[in-house]
Protein backbone atom coordinates (compact mmCIF):
# COMPACT_ATOMS: atom_id res chain seq x y z
CA MET A 1 47.03 34.61 18.97
CA THR A 2 48.67 37.12 16.65
CA SER A 3 47.54 40.67 16.12
CA ASP A 4 46.69 42.02 12.68
CA THR A 5 47.92 45.54 13.52
CA THR A 6 51.44 46.71 12.79
CA VAL A 7 51.20 49.71 15.12
CA VAL A 8 53.75 49.57 17.93
CA ALA A 9 52.66 51.27 21.15
CA LEU A 10 55.30 53.64 22.46
CA ARG A 11 56.10 53.86 26.14
CA GLN A 12 54.39 56.86 27.71
CA PRO A 13 56.36 59.28 29.92
CA GLU A 14 54.19 58.59 32.97
CA ALA A 15 54.82 54.86 32.58
CA VAL A 16 58.60 55.21 32.87
CA ASP A 17 59.92 53.33 35.90
CA ASP A 18 62.14 55.68 37.89
CA PRO A 19 63.48 53.77 40.91
CA LEU A 20 65.92 56.57 41.82
CA THR A 21 63.12 59.10 42.29
CA ALA A 22 61.11 56.53 44.24
CA VAL A 23 64.06 55.97 46.59
CA LEU A 24 64.57 59.70 47.01
CA ARG A 25 60.92 60.29 47.88
CA SER A 26 60.90 57.41 50.34
CA GLY A 27 64.07 58.69 51.99
CA THR A 28 62.73 62.21 52.07
CA ARG A 29 59.55 61.04 53.77
CA ARG A 30 61.48 59.24 56.51
CA LEU A 31 63.92 62.10 57.07
CA LEU A 32 61.10 64.65 57.20
CA ALA A 33 59.18 62.55 59.73
CA GLN A 34 62.30 62.21 61.88
CA ALA A 35 63.01 65.95 61.71
CA VAL A 36 59.43 66.85 62.68
CA GLU A 37 59.54 64.39 65.60
CA ALA A 38 62.92 65.73 66.77
CA GLU A 39 61.65 69.32 66.61
CA ALA A 40 58.61 68.45 68.73
CA GLU A 41 60.73 66.54 71.27
CA ALA A 42 63.14 69.47 71.56
CA PHE A 43 60.24 71.83 72.25
CA LEU A 44 58.81 69.46 74.87
CA ALA A 45 62.21 69.23 76.58
CA GLU A 46 62.43 73.01 76.69
CA MET A 47 58.96 73.24 78.26
CA ARG A 48 59.59 70.41 80.75
CA GLY A 49 59.59 72.81 83.68
CA GLN A 50 56.04 74.01 82.93
CA ARG A 51 53.77 71.99 85.26
CA LEU A 52 50.23 72.10 86.57
CA PRO A 53 49.50 72.65 90.29
CA ASP A 54 49.07 68.87 90.73
CA GLY A 55 52.55 68.24 89.31
CA ARG A 56 51.58 66.97 85.88
CA GLU A 57 53.33 68.34 82.79
CA ARG A 58 51.48 71.25 81.19
CA LEU A 59 52.45 70.28 77.61
CA VAL A 60 52.21 66.68 76.36
CA ARG A 61 52.11 64.73 73.08
CA HIS A 62 48.70 64.44 71.45
CA GLY A 63 49.20 62.22 68.41
CA HIS A 64 49.47 63.45 64.84
CA GLY A 65 47.45 65.53 62.46
CA PRO A 66 45.95 64.04 59.30
CA GLU A 67 48.38 63.07 56.56
CA ARG A 68 48.78 65.57 53.74
CA LEU A 69 50.92 65.90 50.63
CA VAL A 70 53.55 68.62 50.47
CA GLN A 71 54.87 69.46 47.03
CA THR A 72 58.66 69.38 46.75
CA GLY A 73 61.15 69.52 43.91
CA ILE A 74 61.07 65.72 43.64
CA GLY A 75 57.32 65.38 43.81
CA PRO A 76 54.62 65.08 46.51
CA VAL A 77 55.84 63.83 49.89
CA PRO A 78 53.24 62.63 52.47
CA VAL A 79 53.75 64.12 55.94
CA ARG A 80 51.94 64.22 59.30
CA ARG A 81 52.16 67.09 61.74
CA VAL A 82 53.01 66.36 65.38
CA LYS A 83 50.31 67.64 67.73
CA LEU A 84 51.02 68.82 71.27
CA ARG A 85 48.29 69.27 73.84
CA TYR A 86 48.26 72.19 76.28
CA ARG A 87 46.65 71.03 79.53
CA GLY A 88 46.51 74.43 81.19
CA ALA A 89 43.20 75.57 79.74
CA GLY A 90 41.44 77.78 82.24
CA GLN A 91 44.62 78.15 84.35
CA GLU A 92 46.49 81.37 84.93
CA GLY A 93 49.44 82.14 82.70
CA GLU A 94 50.08 82.45 78.96
CA ARG A 95 48.95 79.59 76.75
CA ILE A 96 51.84 77.59 75.24
CA CYS A 97 51.57 76.90 71.51
CA PHE A 98 53.86 74.83 69.30
CA ALA A 99 54.41 75.87 65.70
CA SER A 100 56.75 73.78 63.59
CA ASN A 101 59.37 75.69 61.60
CA ILE A 102 60.01 72.67 59.39
CA LEU A 103 56.37 71.96 58.58
CA PRO A 104 54.14 75.05 58.86
CA ARG A 105 50.53 74.36 59.72
CA TRP A 106 48.99 75.03 56.31
CA ALA A 107 52.01 74.35 54.07
CA ARG A 108 51.19 72.64 50.77
CA ARG A 109 54.38 73.48 48.86
CA THR A 110 57.99 74.00 49.82
CA PRO A 111 59.19 77.64 49.81
CA SER A 112 61.53 76.89 46.89
CA LEU A 113 58.61 75.61 44.78
CA ASN A 114 56.50 78.63 45.77
CA ALA A 115 59.34 80.85 44.55
CA LEU A 116 59.52 78.89 41.29
CA LEU A 117 55.89 79.45 40.31
CA PRO A 118 55.97 83.25 39.83
CA ILE A 119 59.29 82.97 38.00
CA LEU A 120 57.82 80.46 35.53
CA TYR A 121 54.76 82.64 35.06
CA LEU A 122 56.82 85.75 34.45
CA ARG A 123 59.09 83.92 32.03
CA GLY A 124 56.31 82.96 29.67
CA VAL A 125 54.56 79.86 31.05
CA SER A 126 50.80 80.39 30.94
CA MET A 127 48.59 79.29 33.84
CA GLY A 128 47.14 76.39 31.83
CA ASP A 129 50.61 75.00 31.07
CA PHE A 130 51.96 74.78 34.63
CA GLN A 131 51.10 71.13 35.22
CA GLU A 132 52.63 70.02 31.94
CA THR A 133 55.73 72.17 32.49
CA LEU A 134 56.33 70.89 36.02
CA ALA A 135 55.75 67.24 35.08
CA ALA A 136 59.50 66.76 34.64
CA LEU A 137 60.16 68.04 38.17
CA PRO A 138 57.55 67.04 40.80
CA GLY A 139 55.82 64.58 38.48
CA LYS A 140 52.52 64.10 36.67
CA GLU A 141 50.58 63.51 39.87
CA THR A 142 51.38 66.98 41.18
CA PRO A 143 48.27 68.47 42.86
CA ASN A 144 47.70 72.10 43.89
CA LEU A 145 49.09 73.44 40.61
CA SER A 146 45.90 73.82 38.59
CA PRO A 147 45.11 77.06 36.73
CA ALA A 148 42.72 78.01 39.55
CA VAL A 149 45.51 77.60 42.12
CA ILE A 150 47.88 79.72 40.04
CA ALA A 151 45.16 82.35 39.71
CA ARG A 152 44.80 82.44 43.50
CA LEU A 153 48.56 82.84 43.80
CA ARG A 154 48.39 85.74 41.37
CA ASP A 155 45.76 87.37 43.58
CA THR A 156 48.15 86.93 46.51
CA TRP A 157 50.91 88.61 44.53
CA GLN A 158 48.53 91.47 43.82
CA ALA A 159 47.86 91.89 47.54
CA ASP A 160 51.62 91.81 48.22
CA TYR A 161 52.14 94.52 45.64
CA ALA A 162 49.40 96.70 47.17
CA ARG A 163 51.00 96.38 50.62
CA TRP A 164 54.40 97.20 49.17
CA GLN A 165 53.01 100.34 47.53
CA ARG A 166 51.72 101.54 50.92
CA ARG A 167 54.83 100.65 52.94
CA ASP A 168 56.24 103.19 55.40
CA LEU A 169 59.36 104.94 54.06
CA ALA A 170 59.84 107.32 56.99
CA ALA A 171 62.96 105.47 58.15
CA ARG A 172 64.40 104.98 54.65
CA HIS A 173 67.21 107.02 53.14
CA TYR A 174 68.50 106.50 49.62
CA VAL A 175 71.88 108.04 48.85
CA TYR A 176 71.69 107.44 45.10
CA LEU A 177 68.74 106.97 42.77
CA TRP A 178 68.51 105.37 39.33
CA ALA A 179 65.53 106.16 37.11
CA ASP A 180 64.35 104.82 33.79
CA GLY A 181 61.19 104.25 31.77
CA ILE A 182 60.68 100.81 30.22
CA TYR A 183 58.32 100.35 27.29
CA LEU A 184 56.66 96.93 27.16
CA GLN A 185 55.45 95.36 23.93
CA ALA A 186 51.95 94.93 25.27
CA ARG A 187 48.52 96.33 24.48
CA MET A 188 48.25 97.83 27.94
CA GLU A 189 46.15 100.84 27.01
CA PRO A 190 45.24 102.79 23.86
CA GLN A 191 47.79 105.50 24.73
CA ALA A 192 51.55 104.97 24.80
CA GLU A 193 52.48 103.93 28.32
CA CYS A 194 55.62 102.70 30.01
CA MET A 195 56.84 101.48 33.37
CA LEU A 196 58.52 104.21 35.42
CA VAL A 197 61.11 102.55 37.68
CA LEU A 198 63.20 103.91 40.55
CA ILE A 199 66.01 101.95 42.24
CA GLY A 200 67.84 103.38 45.25
CA ALA A 201 71.07 102.73 47.15
CA THR A 202 70.83 102.62 50.95
CA PRO A 203 73.54 103.98 53.30
CA GLU A 204 74.66 100.34 53.72
CA GLY A 205 75.37 100.01 50.00
CA LYS A 206 72.37 97.82 49.20
CA LYS A 207 70.22 98.42 46.12
CA GLU A 208 66.44 98.39 46.56
CA LEU A 209 63.40 98.88 44.38
CA VAL A 210 62.08 102.25 45.54
CA GLY A 211 59.00 102.60 43.38
CA PHE A 212 57.40 102.18 39.99
CA GLN A 213 54.13 102.86 38.26
CA VAL A 214 52.59 103.02 34.81
CA GLY A 215 53.28 106.38 33.21
CA VAL A 216 52.38 108.14 29.98
CA ARG A 217 55.47 108.52 27.78
CA GLU A 218 57.74 109.34 30.74
CA SER A 219 55.99 112.68 31.11
CA ALA A 220 56.94 115.10 33.87
CA GLN A 221 53.49 114.67 35.41
CA SER A 222 53.81 110.88 35.60
CA TRP A 223 57.25 111.08 37.22
CA ARG A 224 56.03 113.77 39.58
CA GLU A 225 53.11 111.57 40.70
CA LEU A 226 55.52 108.72 41.47
CA LEU A 227 57.91 110.94 43.43
CA VAL A 228 55.07 112.62 45.34
CA ASP A 229 53.62 109.22 46.26
CA LEU A 230 57.00 108.21 47.69
CA LYS A 231 57.12 111.42 49.68
CA ALA A 232 53.62 110.75 50.98
CA CYS A 233 54.83 107.34 52.22
CA GLY A 234 57.43 109.12 54.33
CA LEU A 235 60.48 109.47 52.07
CA ALA A 236 61.57 112.90 53.27
CA ILE A 237 65.37 112.85 52.74
CA ALA A 238 66.37 113.75 49.20
CA PRO A 239 68.91 111.50 47.44
CA GLU A 240 72.35 112.99 46.87
CA LEU A 241 72.46 112.03 43.18
CA ALA A 242 70.03 110.67 40.57
CA THR A 243 71.11 108.88 37.40
CA GLY A 244 68.87 108.68 34.35
CA ASP A 245 68.66 109.20 30.61
CA GLY A 246 67.81 112.41 28.81
CA ALA A 247 64.04 112.15 29.28
CA LEU A 248 63.09 115.68 30.30
CA GLY A 249 60.06 114.54 32.27
CA PHE A 250 62.05 112.92 35.06
CA TRP A 251 64.43 115.84 35.55
CA LYS A 252 61.62 118.40 35.69
CA ALA A 253 59.77 116.31 38.26
CA LEU A 254 62.94 115.78 40.30
CA GLU A 255 63.60 119.54 40.37
CA ALA A 256 60.10 120.11 41.71
CA VAL A 257 60.04 117.34 44.36
CA PHE A 258 63.72 116.96 45.37
CA PRO A 259 65.45 120.17 44.18
CA SER A 260 68.67 119.47 46.11
CA THR A 261 69.36 116.18 44.31
CA ARG A 262 72.15 116.45 41.74
CA HIS A 263 71.79 115.14 38.20
CA GLN A 264 73.90 112.50 36.41
CA ARG A 265 73.05 111.65 32.81
CA CYS A 266 73.50 108.03 31.76
CA TRP A 267 76.52 107.58 29.50
CA VAL A 268 75.13 104.43 27.89
CA HIS A 269 71.97 106.24 26.77
CA LYS A 270 73.95 109.29 25.67
CA THR A 271 76.30 107.12 23.60
CA SER A 272 73.33 105.49 21.90
CA ASN A 273 71.74 108.89 21.18
CA VAL A 274 74.91 110.24 19.60
CA LEU A 275 75.56 107.09 17.55
CA ASN A 276 72.10 107.46 16.01
CA LYS A 277 73.23 110.80 14.56
CA VAL A 278 76.33 109.54 12.73
CA PRO A 279 76.75 107.03 9.86
CA LYS A 280 77.39 103.39 10.71
CA SER A 281 80.88 103.60 9.25
CA VAL A 282 81.83 106.20 11.87
CA GLN A 283 80.07 104.63 14.84
CA PRO A 284 82.93 102.31 16.01
CA ALA A 285 85.35 105.24 16.25
CA VAL A 286 82.79 107.46 18.00
CA LYS A 287 81.95 104.69 20.46
CA GLN A 288 85.63 104.25 21.34
CA GLU A 289 86.09 107.99 21.88
CA PHE A 290 83.06 108.08 24.17
CA ARG A 291 84.50 105.24 26.23
CA GLU A 292 87.73 107.20 26.64
CA ILE A 293 85.74 110.22 27.83
CA TRP A 294 83.68 108.59 30.59
CA GLN A 295 86.58 106.42 31.69
CA ALA A 296 88.95 109.38 32.01
CA PRO A 297 90.73 109.49 35.41
CA ASP A 298 89.63 113.06 36.20
CA ARG A 299 87.24 115.79 35.11
CA ALA A 300 89.88 117.88 33.32
CA THR A 301 90.88 114.97 31.10
CA ALA A 302 87.24 114.19 30.32
CA GLU A 303 86.46 117.82 29.45
CA ALA A 304 89.51 117.97 27.19
CA ALA A 305 88.36 114.80 25.43
CA ILE A 306 84.87 116.27 24.95
CA SER A 307 86.38 119.44 23.43
CA THR A 308 88.52 117.32 21.10
CA PHE A 309 85.48 115.30 20.04
CA ALA A 310 83.49 118.48 19.32
CA GLU A 311 86.32 120.00 17.29
CA LYS A 312 86.78 116.81 15.28
CA TYR A 313 83.12 116.16 14.36
CA ALA A 314 81.35 119.54 14.57
CA ALA A 315 81.76 120.41 10.90
CA LYS A 316 80.33 117.17 9.55
CA TYR A 317 78.11 115.84 12.33
CA GLU A 318 76.78 118.93 14.06
CA LYS A 319 73.70 117.20 15.53
CA ALA A 320 75.85 114.56 17.21
CA VAL A 321 78.12 117.18 18.79
CA THR A 322 75.15 119.28 19.91
CA CYS A 323 73.58 116.19 21.53
CA LEU A 324 76.77 115.61 23.54
CA LEU A 325 77.44 119.21 24.56
CA ARG A 326 73.84 119.80 25.65
CA ASP A 327 74.35 117.61 28.75
CA ARG A 328 78.09 118.21 29.21
CA ASP A 329 77.94 119.20 32.88
CA ALA A 330 75.37 116.56 33.88
CA LEU A 331 77.47 113.85 32.22
CA LEU A 332 80.46 114.66 34.45
CA THR A 333 78.73 115.00 37.81
CA PHE A 334 80.03 111.62 39.00
CA TYR A 335 83.55 113.10 39.37
CA ASP A 336 82.27 114.88 42.50
CA PHE A 337 81.57 111.54 44.20
CA PRO A 338 83.83 108.72 45.46
CA ALA A 339 85.76 106.95 42.70
CA GLU A 340 84.62 103.59 44.10
CA HIS A 341 81.04 104.51 43.10
CA TRP A 342 81.73 105.63 39.53
CA ASP A 343 80.95 102.24 37.98
CA HIS A 344 77.47 102.44 39.53
CA LEU A 345 76.73 106.12 38.89
CA TRP A 346 77.42 106.72 35.23
CA THR A 347 74.70 104.45 33.87
CA SER A 348 71.08 103.44 34.58
CA ASN A 349 71.51 100.13 32.72
CA PRO A 350 70.90 97.95 35.82
CA ILE A 351 67.21 98.74 35.40
CA GLU A 352 67.13 97.69 31.75
CA SER A 353 68.93 94.40 32.42
CA VAL A 354 66.32 93.49 35.03
CA PHE A 355 63.50 94.15 32.53
CA ALA A 356 64.88 91.92 29.80
CA THR A 357 62.78 89.03 31.15
CA VAL A 358 59.63 91.13 31.28
CA LEU A 359 60.10 92.07 27.64
CA HIS A 360 60.46 88.38 26.82
CA ARG A 361 57.23 87.64 28.68
CA THR A 362 55.26 90.22 26.68
CA VAL A 363 56.52 88.70 23.44
CA ARG A 364 55.43 85.22 24.56
CA THR A 365 51.94 86.48 25.38
CA LYS A 366 51.84 88.29 22.02
CA GLY A 367 51.19 91.65 23.64
CA ALA A 368 47.97 90.66 25.38
CA LEU A 369 48.84 91.98 28.83
CA SER A 370 46.50 94.22 30.72
CA GLN A 371 47.89 97.15 32.66
CA ASN A 372 47.33 95.38 35.99
CA THR A 373 48.99 92.17 34.82
CA ALA A 374 51.98 94.03 33.44
CA ARG A 375 52.39 95.99 36.67
CA LEU A 376 52.13 92.80 38.71
CA MET A 377 54.70 91.05 36.52
CA VAL A 378 57.12 93.92 36.96
CA SER A 379 56.76 93.97 40.74
CA LYS A 380 57.29 90.22 41.17
CA LEU A 381 60.23 90.09 38.78
CA VAL A 382 62.08 93.08 40.20
CA MET A 383 61.51 92.03 43.80
CA ALA A 384 62.86 88.57 42.98
CA ALA A 385 65.83 90.04 41.10
CA ALA A 386 66.59 92.43 43.98
CA LYS A 387 67.85 89.49 46.03
CA THR A 388 70.76 89.08 43.61
CA TRP A 389 71.65 92.73 43.03
CA ARG A 390 75.28 93.40 43.84
CA ARG A 391 76.09 95.87 46.56
CA LEU A 392 77.85 99.14 45.84
CA LYS A 393 81.61 99.02 45.88
CA GLY A 394 83.21 101.30 48.44
CA GLU A 395 80.23 101.21 50.80
CA ASN A 396 82.45 102.72 53.51
CA GLN A 397 82.37 105.99 51.53
CA LEU A 398 78.59 106.33 51.67
CA PRO A 399 78.47 107.84 55.20
CA LYS A 400 80.87 110.55 53.99
CA VAL A 401 78.59 111.35 51.05
CA ILE A 402 75.64 111.63 53.46
CA GLN A 403 77.63 113.93 55.76
CA GLY A 404 78.38 116.26 52.85
CA VAL A 405 82.11 115.52 52.56
CA ARG A 406 83.45 117.01 49.35
CA PHE A 407 85.07 114.86 46.68
CA ARG A 408 87.15 116.06 43.74
CA ASN A 409 87.88 113.60 40.93
CA GLY A 410 86.73 110.80 43.19
CA VAL A 411 89.10 111.64 46.07
CA GLU A 412 88.03 113.12 49.39
CA VAL A 413 89.01 116.77 49.79
CA LYS A 414 90.83 117.25 53.08
CA GLU A 415 89.82 120.55 54.62
CA THR A 416 92.70 122.47 56.24
CA PRO A 417 92.09 124.59 59.38
CA THR A 418 92.50 127.74 57.27
CA GLN A 419 89.87 126.60 54.80
CA THR A 420 87.48 125.64 57.60
CA ALA A 421 87.86 129.08 59.27
CA ALA A 422 87.28 130.84 55.98
């Protein structure tokens, strides 16, 4: 019997036969079952000496738990947990419990998939689109990824953020501090608000997110509240140096809360500020001269280059020269610290590079973020990015900075006995 229709039905994605994935899932199931069994047997062998008064073993096999699906990168894999029975109930001694490291008791997703979900959310995938987006990875039948599940995960992230905000900083010491304010393209509140971010360097050379909060136009009061909150959490030791742009609010707050911390103005921000005050035809030459200044081998050479720049452009571009000379001393503070650290100290750009993804997310949501959502996005993104931050070069110099060793033009100043006596 022939059909009258000329419409040809196309093959649907879920109908595609994928024998390779089927083989992988089958192999994964067998390997996982073997690994869980081997882990349980190893634990039983370790506890073999634990016996009851009548000589029987205190810990024995007790079947398996109900089968459940665990989401992996290749789709759902059915697994069963090995159960061990403790026969010493009511006896003296500590109860022996078995907890699988391979298959945690309530696991429904692999840690790698759990890490993927917040990244997808932060990068622009809405909660309603998760199942469709992940169809190419775990498959169409993926459970536990509904909008309600993602919403519960978001609540968990919120709780993680609240705990992080209240963490104890009494044992923390940050040698260097980077500060910046990031403006998101989101309707967070009627007034102009931004994210105030602080990143610190530990004595081991590791960068960490120290703190952030929503502030009003990088005002001194907003920065002060953030710094005071950190102090209230136990951060008592002032950083040796703080790097930031020319926003007056941060520097005023820093003077009030950590007056001993030295100031380093960001050369990237300063270059941008000066370039905005000269014509586009002159900008390439000015940019090259600025690079020669902040890459000078010593302070004297840098100061001479600044004087040359001022003499060359003062007559025609007075505002640009004034902008540079206003922060002349703060721009050259890094010369009093180890040369190995200069690449890290003369700019606060690491903060802006981290926030590029957050800015993309606000564009995708067309600026519809609430203040809480934006703050949560920032915390999850930065904490995830912190795992890949590169350590400071010359970390062996950090203990010297903490001890107050003097550096001139990046080189340690060796104190002679005469100088020490004086």
